[in-house]
Amino acid sequence: MVQLAVRPKSFSGTVRVSALGPGRLSVRATGGRGSYRARVVFPKAGLWRLSARADGATSRLGPVRVRQATAKPVTFFEPTSIDLQPNGTLLLIEFSSGRVVRVAPSTGRVDVLVQGLYRPYAVVRAPSGSVYISIGNLLQRLNGAGTPTTVAEVPPGMEIGPIAAAPNGDVYFATATQIFRLRGGSGPAVRVGGSTQFASPHGLAVAGDGAVLVSDRDNNRIIRLDPLTGAVSTFAQLDQPYGLDVAADGTVYVIEGASNRVVRLGQSGTRLGFLGPAFAIPYDVEVASGGVVYLLQAGPTGYIRRIAPDGSVTTVSRR
């Protein structure tokens, strides 16, 4: 706010305050009887020089240095799952607050899609645009606003964990020991993988050839599952694999729980190395364009970390 004194007090003309710096702006002052004020909003950080003009006379008011506001990291309450959308936003589950939110990584804006859920766990968007979430022993579908619709369930006492969607619309989900498929994203759920017993599968992803990759956490391996034949093979050995995702070039990114780092794997499962440093409670991962990776850091207070291709890390923050 700029306050001005104008003489004589009987002046009744227009007073304008101008600023010249990283841009140019001019605002009209309000007031009278020799006292005026103007509210100046600077659009950019930098050095601005202010002046006032009244009745054809210009006075210099001096310089003002505007500093960039500090970005505030966006925090989440016990987040458990993220999924990248075609427009670059992220869907995120807040387990403890029972919400599904949409996050814009570029601005930190958070929009609530649905709330009041009881302990939701995982979220994925299908090519149709429908959003699937796992809640206890239910797999539910969100179609715009309104109450979620249950599309599959497992017996009480069991819980549905991670979810993945294939380009053809099929949806996969995991329990503590089995993997199931919903053809076209609707029931009935069909078990895939034959008699294979998984041990706390934590992550699911669909590769370019349609194979399903499973983070078989407690067996310290990633399984490659052919959904058509049910054939199962070991894709890679990792210590406690958690969330994983497949990039457009076939590279697989997976969180290794033992090292708390993101591991890069080739299309054949060959270990290519780490991306970024170790994190506290890394939980889920999503690959964006250009080799950018988003990592969900869980805990009572969680964050979304952005890992650049060179391994540098920033936090999704409110701008």
C-alpha atoms as a PDB file:
ATOM      1  CA  MET A   1       0.000   0.000   0.000  1.00  0.00           C
ATOM      2  CA  VAL A   2       1.377   3.432  -1.015  1.00  0.00           C
ATOM      3  CA  GLN A   3       0.227   6.503   0.957  1.00  0.00           C
ATOM      4  CA  LEU A   4       0.600   9.969  -0.557  1.00  0.00           C
ATOM      5  CA  ALA A   5       0.209  13.530   0.663  1.00  0.00           C
ATOM      6  CA  VAL A   6      -0.884  16.043  -2.003  1.00  0.00           C
ATOM      7  CA  ARG A   7      -0.716  19.803  -1.692  1.00  0.00           C
ATOM      8  CA  PRO A   8      -2.812  21.849  -1.666  1.00  0.00           C
ATOM      9  CA  LYS A   9      -5.449  19.934   0.254  1.00  0.00           C
ATOM     10  CA  SER A  10      -8.068  21.386  -2.071  1.00  0.00           C
ATOM     11  CA  PHE A  11      -6.651  19.313  -4.977  1.00  0.00           C
ATOM     12  CA  SER A  12      -9.423  17.207  -6.519  1.00  0.00           C
ATOM     13  CA  GLY A  13      -7.777  15.771  -9.624  1.00  0.00           C
ATOM     14  CA  THR A  14      -6.565  12.252 -10.466  1.00  0.00           C
ATOM     15  CA  VAL A  15      -3.503  10.756  -8.806  1.00  0.00           C
ATOM     16  CA  ARG A  16      -1.819   7.718 -10.358  1.00  0.00           C
ATOM     17  CA  VAL A  17       1.037   5.597  -9.034  1.00  0.00           C
ATOM     18  CA  SER A  18       3.281   3.929 -11.617  1.00  0.00           C
ATOM     19  CA  ALA A  19       5.944   1.256 -11.210  1.00  0.00           C
ATOM     20  CA  LEU A  20       8.677   0.354 -13.652  1.00  0.00           C
ATOM     21  CA  GLY A  21      10.813  -2.762 -13.242  1.00  0.00           C
ATOM     22  CA  PRO A  22      10.535  -6.357 -14.547  1.00  0.00           C
ATOM     23  CA  GLY A  23       7.280  -5.068 -16.032  1.00  0.00           C
ATOM     24  CA  ARG A  24       5.195  -1.912 -16.056  1.00  0.00           C
ATOM     25  CA  LEU A  25       2.040  -1.108 -14.093  1.00  0.00           C
ATOM     26  CA  SER A  26      -0.077   1.891 -13.180  1.00  0.00           C
ATOM     27  CA  VAL A  27      -2.871   2.171 -10.609  1.00  0.00           C
ATOM     28  CA  ARG A  28      -5.207   4.970  -9.666  1.00  0.00           C
ATOM     29  CA  ALA A  29      -4.990   6.283  -6.133  1.00  0.00           C
ATOM     30  CA  THR A  30      -8.086   6.936  -4.071  1.00  0.00           C
ATOM     31  CA  GLY A  31      -8.745   9.584  -1.428  1.00  0.00           C
ATOM     32  CA  GLY A  32      -9.057  13.352  -1.167  1.00  0.00           C
ATOM     33  CA  ARG A  33      -8.351  16.458   0.930  1.00  0.00           C
ATOM     34  CA  GLY A  34      -4.609  15.980   0.403  1.00  0.00           C
ATOM     35  CA  SER A  35      -4.449  12.322   1.453  1.00  0.00           C
ATOM     36  CA  TYR A  36      -4.365   9.510  -1.140  1.00  0.00           C
ATOM     37  CA  ARG A  37      -3.486   5.851  -1.143  1.00  0.00           C
ATOM     38  CA  ALA A  38      -2.910   3.235  -3.828  1.00  0.00           C
ATOM     39  CA  ARG A  39      -2.667  -0.562  -3.620  1.00  0.00           C
ATOM     40  CA  VAL A  40       0.152  -1.835  -5.832  1.00  0.00           C
ATOM     41  CA  VAL A  41       0.406  -5.558  -6.616  1.00  0.00           C
ATOM     42  CA  PHE A  42       3.745  -6.476  -8.163  1.00  0.00           C
ATOM     43  CA  PRO A  43       3.427  -9.344 -10.676  1.00  0.00           C
ATOM     44  CA  LYS A  44       7.109 -10.301 -10.546  1.00  0.00           C
ATOM     45  CA  ALA A  45      10.011 -10.276  -8.132  1.00  0.00           C
ATOM     46  CA  GLY A  46      12.778  -7.730  -8.748  1.00  0.00           C
ATOM     47  CA  LEU A  47      13.596  -4.025  -8.401  1.00  0.00           C
ATOM     48  CA  TRP A  48      10.714  -1.637  -9.109  1.00  0.00           C
ATOM     49  CA  ARG A  49      10.914   2.176  -9.249  1.00  0.00           C
ATOM     50  CA  LEU A  50       7.780   4.007  -8.153  1.00  0.00           C
ATOM     51  CA  SER A  51       6.504   7.424  -9.176  1.00  0.00           C
ATOM     52  CA  ALA A  52       3.286   9.403  -8.696  1.00  0.00           C
ATOM     53  CA  ARG A  53       1.613  11.796 -11.107  1.00  0.00           C
ATOM     54  CA  ALA A  54      -0.889  14.466 -10.086  1.00  0.00           C
ATOM     55  CA  ASP A  55      -2.158  17.337 -12.220  1.00  0.00           C
ATOM     56  CA  GLY A  56       0.653  16.970 -14.753  1.00  0.00           C
ATOM     57  CA  ALA A  57       3.403  16.891 -12.127  1.00  0.00           C
ATOM     58  CA  THR A  58       5.439  13.710 -11.528  1.00  0.00           C
ATOM     59  CA  SER A  59       7.237  12.856  -8.292  1.00  0.00           C
ATOM     60  CA  ARG A  60       9.650  10.023  -7.737  1.00  0.00           C
ATOM     61  CA  LEU A  61       8.719   7.814  -4.784  1.00  0.00           C
ATOM     62  CA  GLY A  62      11.863   5.683  -4.774  1.00  0.00           C
ATOM     63  CA  PRO A  63      12.743   2.022  -5.411  1.00  0.00           C
ATOM     64  CA  VAL A  64      11.104  -1.089  -3.992  1.00  0.00           C
ATOM     65  CA  ARG A  65      12.711  -4.516  -4.109  1.00  0.00           C
ATOM     66  CA  VAL A  66      10.174  -7.355  -4.321  1.00  0.00           C
ATOM     67  CA  ARG A  67      11.355 -10.821  -3.314  1.00  0.00           C
ATOM     68  CA  GLN A  68       9.998 -14.109  -4.573  1.00  0.00           C
ATOM     69  CA  ALA A  69       7.652 -15.685  -2.061  1.00  0.00           C
ATOM     70  CA  THR A  70       8.960 -18.927  -0.579  1.00  0.00           C
ATOM     71  CA  ALA A  71       7.146 -21.939  -1.975  1.00  0.00           C
ATOM     72  CA  LYS A  72       5.359 -23.987   0.671  1.00  0.00           C
ATOM     73  CA  PRO A  73       5.568 -27.791   0.278  1.00  0.00           C
ATOM     74  CA  VAL A  74       2.202 -29.489  -0.124  1.00  0.00           C
ATOM     75  CA  THR A  75       1.638 -32.082   2.595  1.00  0.00           C
ATOM     76  CA  PHE A  76      -0.747 -35.027   2.764  1.00  0.00           C
ATOM     77  CA  PHE A  77      -2.129 -37.137   5.620  1.00  0.00           C
ATOM     78  CA  GLU A  78      -0.837 -40.732   5.357  1.00  0.00           C
ATOM     79  CA  PRO A  79      -0.806 -40.897   1.543  1.00  0.00           C
ATOM     80  CA  THR A  80      -0.620 -44.414   0.075  1.00  0.00           C
ATOM     81  CA  SER A  81      -1.011 -44.199  -3.707  1.00  0.00           C
ATOM     82  CA  ILE A  82      -0.505 -41.890  -6.697  1.00  0.00           C
ATOM     83  CA  ASP A  83      -1.418 -42.238 -10.361  1.00  0.00           C
ATOM     84  CA  LEU A  84      -0.398 -39.962 -13.224  1.00  0.00           C
ATOM     85  CA  GLN A  85      -3.154 -38.557 -15.456  1.00  0.00           C
ATOM     86  CA  PRO A  86      -2.873 -37.773 -19.195  1.00  0.00           C
ATOM     87  CA  ASN A  87      -2.973 -34.033 -18.449  1.00  0.00           C
ATOM     88  CA  GLY A  88       0.010 -34.287 -16.103  1.00  0.00           C
ATOM     89  CA  THR A  89      -1.880 -34.074 -12.817  1.00  0.00           C
ATOM     90  CA  LEU A  90      -1.663 -36.756 -10.152  1.00  0.00           C
ATOM     91  CA  LEU A  91      -4.418 -38.622  -8.354  1.00  0.00           C
ATOM     92  CA  LEU A  92      -3.550 -39.285  -4.725  1.00  0.00           C
ATOM     93  CA  ILE A  93      -5.069 -41.288  -1.884  1.00  0.00           C
ATOM     94  CA  GLU A  94      -5.026 -39.918   1.661  1.00  0.00           C
ATOM     95  CA  PHE A  95      -5.557 -43.011   3.765  1.00  0.00           C
ATOM     96  CA  SER A  96      -6.198 -41.427   7.148  1.00  0.00           C
ATOM     97  CA  SER A  97      -8.452 -38.604   5.952  1.00  0.00           C
ATOM     98  CA  GLY A  98     -10.388 -40.833   3.535  1.00  0.00           C
ATOM     99  CA  ARG A  99      -9.917 -38.629   0.484  1.00  0.00           C
ATOM    100  CA  VAL A 100      -9.091 -38.917  -3.203  1.00  0.00           C
ATOM    101  CA  VAL A 101      -7.491 -35.698  -4.441  1.00  0.00           C
ATOM    102  CA  ARG A 102      -6.069 -34.349  -7.671  1.00  0.00           C
ATOM    103  CA  VAL A 103      -2.697 -32.596  -7.464  1.00  0.00           C
ATOM    104  CA  ALA A 104      -1.168 -30.267 -10.061  1.00  0.00           C
ATOM    105  CA  PRO A 105       2.622 -30.775  -9.688  1.00  0.00           C
ATOM    106  CA  SER A 106       3.435 -27.483 -11.431  1.00  0.00           C
ATOM    107  CA  THR A 107       1.456 -25.306  -8.993  1.00  0.00           C
ATOM    108  CA  GLY A 108       0.766 -27.508  -5.963  1.00  0.00           C
ATOM    109  CA  ARG A 109      -2.965 -27.000  -6.338  1.00  0.00           C
ATOM    110  CA  VAL A 110      -5.035 -29.708  -4.639  1.00  0.00           C
ATOM    111  CA  ASP A 111      -8.649 -30.453  -5.597  1.00  0.00           C
ATOM    112  CA  VAL A 112     -10.766 -32.956  -3.673  1.00  0.00           C
ATOM    113  CA  LEU A 113     -12.512 -35.515  -5.890  1.00  0.00           C
ATOM    114  CA  VAL A 114     -14.222 -37.498  -3.145  1.00  0.00           C
ATOM    115  CA  GLN A 115     -14.038 -37.567   0.638  1.00  0.00           C
ATOM    116  CA  GLY A 116     -15.612 -39.364   3.555  1.00  0.00           C
ATOM    117  CA  LEU A 117     -14.220 -42.757   2.497  1.00  0.00           C
ATOM    118  CA  TYR A 118     -13.184 -45.334   5.074  1.00  0.00           C
ATOM    119  CA  ARG A 119      -9.483 -46.146   4.713  1.00  0.00           C
ATOM    120  CA  PRO A 120      -9.015 -46.015   0.924  1.00  0.00           C
ATOM    121  CA  TYR A 121      -5.707 -47.462  -0.203  1.00  0.00           C
ATOM    122  CA  ALA A 122      -4.922 -47.369  -3.943  1.00  0.00           C
ATOM    123  CA  VAL A 123      -6.088 -45.379  -6.954  1.00  0.00           C
ATOM    124  CA  VAL A 124      -5.741 -45.745 -10.732  1.00  0.00           C
ATOM    125  CA  ARG A 125      -7.310 -44.084 -13.751  1.00  0.00           C
ATOM    126  CA  ALA A 126      -8.423 -46.360 -16.611  1.00  0.00           C
ATOM    127  CA  PRO A 127      -8.197 -45.283 -20.283  1.00  0.00           C
ATOM    128  CA  SER A 128     -11.982 -44.765 -20.207  1.00  0.00           C
ATOM    129  CA  GLY A 129     -11.499 -41.979 -17.681  1.00  0.00           C
ATOM    130  CA  SER A 130     -13.045 -43.948 -14.822  1.00  0.00           C
ATOM    131  CA  VAL A 131     -11.138 -43.868 -11.557  1.00  0.00           C
ATOM    132  CA  TYR A 132     -10.815 -47.061  -9.503  1.00  0.00           C
ATOM    133  CA  ILE A 133     -10.049 -47.144  -5.795  1.00  0.00           C
ATOM    134  CA  SER A 134      -9.530 -49.989  -3.335  1.00  0.00           C
ATOM    135  CA  ILE A 135     -11.268 -49.718   0.034  1.00  0.00           C
ATOM    136  CA  GLY A 136     -11.005 -52.674   2.395  1.00  0.00           C
ATOM    137  CA  ASN A 137     -12.361 -55.728   0.567  1.00  0.00           C
ATOM    138  CA  LEU A 138     -14.003 -53.605  -2.161  1.00  0.00           C
ATOM    139  CA  LEU A 139     -12.873 -52.292  -5.533  1.00  0.00           C
ATOM    140  CA  GLN A 140     -14.926 -49.239  -6.402  1.00  0.00           C
ATOM    141  CA  ARG A 141     -15.299 -47.007  -9.457  1.00  0.00           C
ATOM    142  CA  LEU A 142     -15.718 -43.245  -9.542  1.00  0.00           C
ATOM    143  CA  ASN A 143     -17.614 -41.840 -12.501  1.00  0.00           C
ATOM    144  CA  GLY A 144     -17.549 -38.112 -11.919  1.00  0.00           C
ATOM    145  CA  ALA A 145     -19.171 -36.762  -8.788  1.00  0.00           C
ATOM    146  CA  GLY A 146     -21.280 -38.930  -6.534  1.00  0.00           C
ATOM    147  CA  THR A 147     -21.051 -42.113  -4.516  1.00  0.00           C
ATOM    148  CA  PRO A 148     -18.492 -44.703  -5.731  1.00  0.00           C
ATOM    149  CA  THR A 149     -19.888 -47.880  -7.300  1.00  0.00           C
ATOM    150  CA  THR A 150     -18.592 -51.285  -6.167  1.00  0.00           C
ATOM    151  CA  VAL A 151     -17.367 -53.341  -9.137  1.00  0.00           C
ATOM    152  CA  ALA A 152     -15.641 -56.214  -7.305  1.00  0.00           C
ATOM    153  CA  GLU A 153     -15.163 -57.540  -3.812  1.00  0.00           C
ATOM    154  CA  VAL A 154     -13.250 -60.244  -2.009  1.00  0.00           C
ATOM    155  CA  PRO A 155     -14.381 -62.169   1.088  1.00  0.00           C
ATOM    156  CA  PRO A 156     -14.572 -60.233   4.368  1.00  0.00           C
ATOM    157  CA  GLY A 157     -11.304 -60.402   6.245  1.00  0.00           C
ATOM    158  CA  MET A 158      -9.326 -59.974   3.014  1.00  0.00           C
ATOM    159  CA  GLU A 159      -8.273 -56.611   1.608  1.00  0.00           C
ATOM    160  CA  ILE A 160      -7.615 -55.299  -1.892  1.00  0.00           C
ATOM    161  CA  GLY A 161      -4.300 -53.505  -2.250  1.00  0.00           C
ATOM    162  CA  PRO A 162      -2.627 -52.128  -5.386  1.00  0.00           C
ATOM    163  CA  ILE A 163      -4.486 -51.602  -8.671  1.00  0.00           C
ATOM    164  CA  ALA A 164      -3.343 -51.254 -12.280  1.00  0.00           C
ATOM    165  CA  ALA A 165      -5.176 -50.469 -15.538  1.00  0.00           C
ATOM    166  CA  ALA A 166      -4.231 -51.826 -18.978  1.00  0.00           C
ATOM    167  CA  PRO A 167      -4.586 -49.885 -22.264  1.00  0.00           C
ATOM    168  CA  ASN A 168      -7.415 -52.237 -23.312  1.00  0.00           C
ATOM    169  CA  GLY A 169      -9.462 -51.251 -20.275  1.00  0.00           C
ATOM    170  CA  ASP A 170      -8.774 -54.323 -18.142  1.00  0.00           C
ATOM    171  CA  VAL A 171      -8.216 -53.572 -14.459  1.00  0.00           C
ATOM    172  CA  TYR A 172      -5.996 -55.679 -12.189  1.00  0.00           C
ATOM    173  CA  PHE A 173      -5.942 -55.757  -8.418  1.00  0.00           C
ATOM    174  CA  ALA A 174      -4.060 -57.686  -5.759  1.00  0.00           C
ATOM    175  CA  THR A 175      -4.913 -59.204  -2.414  1.00  0.00           C
ATOM    176  CA  ALA A 176      -2.331 -60.455   0.069  1.00  0.00           C
ATOM    177  CA  THR A 177      -1.696 -63.599  -2.004  1.00  0.00           C
ATOM    178  CA  GLN A 178      -3.451 -63.375  -5.394  1.00  0.00           C
ATOM    179  CA  ILE A 179      -3.861 -61.243  -8.518  1.00  0.00           C
ATOM    180  CA  PHE A 180      -7.254 -60.698 -10.191  1.00  0.00           C
ATOM    181  CA  ARG A 181      -8.457 -59.178 -13.452  1.00  0.00           C
ATOM    182  CA  LEU A 182     -11.646 -57.344 -14.382  1.00  0.00           C
ATOM    183  CA  ARG A 183     -12.201 -57.535 -18.136  1.00  0.00           C
ATOM    184  CA  GLY A 184     -13.035 -54.082 -19.384  1.00  0.00           C
ATOM    185  CA  GLY A 185     -13.004 -52.781 -15.843  1.00  0.00           C
ATOM    186  CA  SER A 186     -16.157 -54.562 -14.716  1.00  0.00           C
ATOM    187  CA  GLY A 187     -16.883 -57.877 -12.989  1.00  0.00           C
ATOM    188  CA  PRO A 188     -16.671 -60.671 -12.394  1.00  0.00           C
ATOM    189  CA  ALA A 189     -13.128 -60.757 -11.044  1.00  0.00           C
ATOM    190  CA  VAL A 190     -11.025 -63.590 -12.483  1.00  0.00           C
ATOM    191  CA  ARG A 191      -7.943 -64.885 -10.740  1.00  0.00           C
ATOM    192  CA  VAL A 192      -4.769 -64.877 -12.855  1.00  0.00           C
ATOM    193  CA  GLY A 193      -1.422 -66.478 -12.222  1.00  0.00           C
ATOM    194  CA  GLY A 194      -2.492 -70.067 -11.609  1.00  0.00           C
ATOM    195  CA  SER A 195      -1.441 -71.507  -8.277  1.00  0.00           C
ATOM    196  CA  THR A 196       1.242 -68.909  -7.640  1.00  0.00           C
ATOM    197  CA  GLN A 197       1.164 -67.651  -4.077  1.00  0.00           C
ATOM    198  CA  PHE A 198       2.277 -64.055  -3.802  1.00  0.00           C
ATOM    199  CA  ALA A 199       3.446 -62.631  -0.487  1.00  0.00           C
ATOM    200  CA  SER A 200       2.097 -59.140   0.192  1.00  0.00           C
ATOM    201  CA  PRO A 201       2.212 -57.780  -3.379  1.00  0.00           C
ATOM    202  CA  HIS A 202       2.662 -54.058  -3.050  1.00  0.00           C
ATOM    203  CA  GLY A 203       2.840 -52.712  -6.611  1.00  0.00           C
ATOM    204  CA  LEU A 204       1.206 -53.494  -9.962  1.00  0.00           C
ATOM    205  CA  ALA A 205       1.999 -52.131 -13.401  1.00  0.00           C
ATOM    206  CA  VAL A 206       1.191 -53.121 -16.981  1.00  0.00           C
ATOM    207  CA  ALA A 207       4.111 -53.318 -19.422  1.00  0.00           C
ATOM    208  CA  GLY A 208       3.927 -52.353 -23.080  1.00  0.00           C
ATOM    209  CA  ASP A 209       3.401 -55.960 -24.187  1.00  0.00           C
ATOM    210  CA  GLY A 210       0.439 -56.382 -21.826  1.00  0.00           C
ATOM    211  CA  ALA A 211       2.311 -58.346 -19.174  1.00  0.00           C
ATOM    212  CA  VAL A 212       1.544 -57.484 -15.562  1.00  0.00           C
ATOM    213  CA  LEU A 213       4.495 -56.736 -13.301  1.00  0.00           C
ATOM    214  CA  VAL A 214       3.960 -57.489  -9.621  1.00  0.00           C
ATOM    215  CA  SER A 215       6.090 -56.283  -6.717  1.00  0.00           C
ATOM    216  CA  ASP A 216       6.044 -59.531  -4.729  1.00  0.00           C
ATOM    217  CA  ARG A 217       7.397 -57.726  -1.688  1.00  0.00           C
ATOM    218  CA  ASP A 218       7.919 -60.427   0.917  1.00  0.00           C
ATOM    219  CA  ASN A 219       9.400 -62.800  -1.681  1.00  0.00           C
ATOM    220  CA  ASN A 220      11.924 -60.076  -2.667  1.00  0.00           C
ATOM    221  CA  ARG A 221      11.149 -60.269  -6.354  1.00  0.00           C
ATOM    222  CA  ILE A 222       9.227 -58.719  -9.221  1.00  0.00           C
ATOM    223  CA  ILE A 223       7.030 -61.204 -11.067  1.00  0.00           C
ATOM    224  CA  ARG A 224       6.108 -61.026 -14.742  1.00  0.00           C
ATOM    225  CA  LEU A 225       2.599 -62.359 -15.257  1.00  0.00           C
ATOM    226  CA  ASP A 226       1.113 -63.142 -18.681  1.00  0.00           C
ATOM    227  CA  PRO A 227      -2.618 -62.448 -18.268  1.00  0.00           C
ATOM    228  CA  LEU A 228      -3.557 -64.534 -21.321  1.00  0.00           C
ATOM    229  CA  THR A 229      -1.725 -67.754 -20.479  1.00  0.00           C
ATOM    230  CA  GLY A 230      -1.244 -67.271 -16.748  1.00  0.00           C
ATOM    231  CA  ALA A 231       2.470 -67.961 -17.156  1.00  0.00           C
ATOM    232  CA  VAL A 232       4.576 -66.606 -14.304  1.00  0.00           C
ATOM    233  CA  SER A 233       8.295 -65.831 -14.321  1.00  0.00           C
ATOM    234  CA  THR A 234      10.709 -63.845 -12.182  1.00  0.00           C
ATOM    235  CA  PHE A 235      11.431 -60.506 -13.816  1.00  0.00           C
ATOM    236  CA  ALA A 236      13.957 -59.229 -11.267  1.00  0.00           C
ATOM    237  CA  GLN A 237      15.199 -59.790  -7.723  1.00  0.00           C
ATOM    238  CA  LEU A 238      14.961 -56.817  -5.349  1.00  0.00           C
ATOM    239  CA  ASP A 239      14.976 -56.435  -1.590  1.00  0.00           C
ATOM    240  CA  GLN A 240      11.390 -55.597  -0.606  1.00  0.00           C
ATOM    241  CA  PRO A 241      10.004 -54.015  -3.789  1.00  0.00           C
ATOM    242  CA  TYR A 242       7.181 -51.531  -3.286  1.00  0.00           C
ATOM    243  CA  GLY A 243       5.427 -49.321  -5.862  1.00  0.00           C
ATOM    244  CA  LEU A 244       6.522 -49.575  -9.496  1.00  0.00           C
ATOM    245  CA  ASP A 245       5.729 -48.071 -12.888  1.00  0.00           C
ATOM    246  CA  VAL A 246       6.751 -48.613 -16.517  1.00  0.00           C
ATOM    247  CA  ALA A 247       8.047 -45.779 -18.705  1.00  0.00           C
ATOM    248  CA  ALA A 248       7.132 -45.368 -22.368  1.00  0.00           C
ATOM    249  CA  ASP A 249      10.499 -46.840 -23.422  1.00  0.00           C
ATOM    250  CA  GLY A 250       9.928 -49.962 -21.299  1.00  0.00           C
ATOM    251  CA  THR A 251      12.208 -48.955 -18.434  1.00  0.00           C
ATOM    252  CA  VAL A 252      10.802 -50.039 -15.088  1.00  0.00           C
ATOM    253  CA  TYR A 253      11.074 -47.833 -12.012  1.00  0.00           C
ATOM    254  CA  VAL A 254      10.515 -49.517  -8.660  1.00  0.00           C
ATOM    255  CA  ILE A 255      10.994 -48.564  -5.026  1.00  0.00           C
ATOM    256  CA  GLU A 256      13.344 -50.892  -3.181  1.00  0.00           C
ATOM    257  CA  GLY A 257      12.285 -50.902   0.457  1.00  0.00           C
ATOM    258  CA  ALA A 258      15.590 -52.208   1.805  1.00  0.00           C
ATOM    259  CA  SER A 259      17.552 -49.249   0.387  1.00  0.00           C
ATOM    260  CA  ASN A 260      14.678 -46.687   0.339  1.00  0.00           C
ATOM    261  CA  ARG A 261      15.653 -45.773  -3.205  1.00  0.00           C
ATOM    262  CA  VAL A 262      14.221 -45.855  -6.728  1.00  0.00           C
ATOM    263  CA  VAL A 263      15.759 -48.600  -8.861  1.00  0.00           C
ATOM    264  CA  ARG A 264      15.810 -48.512 -12.662  1.00  0.00           C
ATOM    265  CA  LEU A 265      15.365 -51.805 -14.520  1.00  0.00           C
ATOM    266  CA  GLY A 266      15.696 -52.521 -18.228  1.00  0.00           C
ATOM    267  CA  GLN A 267      12.956 -54.163 -20.301  1.00  0.00           C
ATOM    268  CA  SER A 268      14.421 -57.581 -19.513  1.00  0.00           C
ATOM    269  CA  GLY A 269      14.754 -56.900 -15.794  1.00  0.00           C
ATOM    270  CA  THR A 270      18.442 -55.980 -15.886  1.00  0.00           C
ATOM    271  CA  ARG A 271      19.336 -53.637 -13.057  1.00  0.00           C
ATOM    272  CA  LEU A 272      20.439 -50.261 -14.459  1.00  0.00           C
ATOM    273  CA  GLY A 273      21.099 -48.438 -11.190  1.00  0.00           C
ATOM    274  CA  PHE A 274      19.455 -45.997  -8.783  1.00  0.00           C
ATOM    275  CA  LEU A 275      17.656 -42.745  -9.522  1.00  0.00           C
ATOM    276  CA  GLY A 276      17.975 -40.029  -6.888  1.00  0.00           C
ATOM    277  CA  PRO A 277      18.976 -40.382  -3.227  1.00  0.00           C
ATOM    278  CA  ALA A 278      17.455 -42.428  -0.415  1.00  0.00           C
ATOM    279  CA  PHE A 279      14.103 -41.222   0.897  1.00  0.00           C
ATOM    280  CA  ALA A 280      12.218 -41.592   4.159  1.00  0.00           C
ATOM    281  CA  ILE A 281       9.329 -44.037   3.659  1.00  0.00           C
ATOM    282  CA  PRO A 282       9.157 -44.068  -0.168  1.00  0.00           C
ATOM    283  CA  TYR A 283       5.914 -45.816  -1.092  1.00  0.00           C
ATOM    284  CA  ASP A 284       4.734 -45.341  -4.666  1.00  0.00           C
ATOM    285  CA  VAL A 285       6.193 -44.070  -7.930  1.00  0.00           C
ATOM    286  CA  GLU A 286       4.914 -42.719 -11.258  1.00  0.00           C
ATOM    287  CA  VAL A 287       6.864 -41.969 -14.451  1.00  0.00           C
ATOM    288  CA  ALA A 288       6.056 -38.807 -16.409  1.00  0.00           C
ATOM    289  CA  SER A 289       7.297 -37.632 -19.792  1.00  0.00           C
ATOM    290  CA  GLY A 290      10.934 -36.758 -20.324  1.00  0.00           C
ATOM    291  CA  GLY A 291      12.189 -39.188 -17.699  1.00  0.00           C
ATOM    292  CA  VAL A 292      10.702 -37.285 -14.753  1.00  0.00           C
ATOM    293  CA  VAL A 293       9.641 -39.517 -11.864  1.00  0.00           C
ATOM    294  CA  TYR A 294       7.202 -38.632  -9.095  1.00  0.00           C
ATOM    295  CA  LEU A 295       7.748 -40.378  -5.794  1.00  0.00           C
ATOM    296  CA  LEU A 296       5.177 -40.568  -3.016  1.00  0.00           C
ATOM    297  CA  GLN A 297       6.782 -40.243   0.391  1.00  0.00           C
ATOM    298  CA  ALA A 298       4.436 -41.744   2.981  1.00  0.00           C
ATOM    299  CA  GLY A 299       4.144 -41.339   6.739  1.00  0.00           C
ATOM    300  CA  PRO A 300       1.860 -39.307   9.011  1.00  0.00           C
ATOM    301  CA  THR A 301       2.878 -36.311   6.895  1.00  0.00           C
ATOM    302  CA  GLY A 302       3.617 -37.217   3.289  1.00  0.00           C
ATOM    303  CA  TYR A 303       5.039 -35.411   0.269  1.00  0.00           C
ATOM    304  CA  ILE A 304       5.341 -35.783  -3.491  1.00  0.00           C
ATOM    305  CA  ARG A 305       8.939 -35.585  -4.647  1.00  0.00           C
ATOM    306  CA  ARG A 306       9.872 -34.802  -8.263  1.00  0.00           C
ATOM    307  CA  ILE A 307      13.018 -36.585  -9.416  1.00  0.00           C
ATOM    308  CA  ALA A 308      14.609 -35.183 -12.571  1.00  0.00           C
ATOM    309  CA  PRO A 309      16.462 -37.452 -15.039  1.00  0.00           C
ATOM    310  CA  ASP A 310      19.771 -36.273 -13.532  1.00  0.00           C
ATOM    311  CA  GLY A 311      18.637 -37.414 -10.066  1.00  0.00           C
ATOM    312  CA  SER A 312      18.017 -33.947  -8.601  1.00  0.00           C
ATOM    313  CA  VAL A 313      14.984 -33.749  -6.304  1.00  0.00           C
ATOM    314  CA  THR A 314      12.396 -31.055  -5.662  1.00  0.00           C
ATOM    315  CA  THR A 315       9.200 -31.145  -3.617  1.00  0.00           C
ATOM    316  CA  VAL A 316       5.808 -30.418  -5.121  1.00  0.00           C
ATOM    317  CA  SER A 317       4.976 -27.069  -3.532  1.00  0.00           C
ATOM    318  CA  ARG A 318       2.246 -24.473  -3.567  1.00  0.00           C
ATOM    319  CA  ARG A 319       3.333 -21.568  -5.756  1.00  0.00           C
END
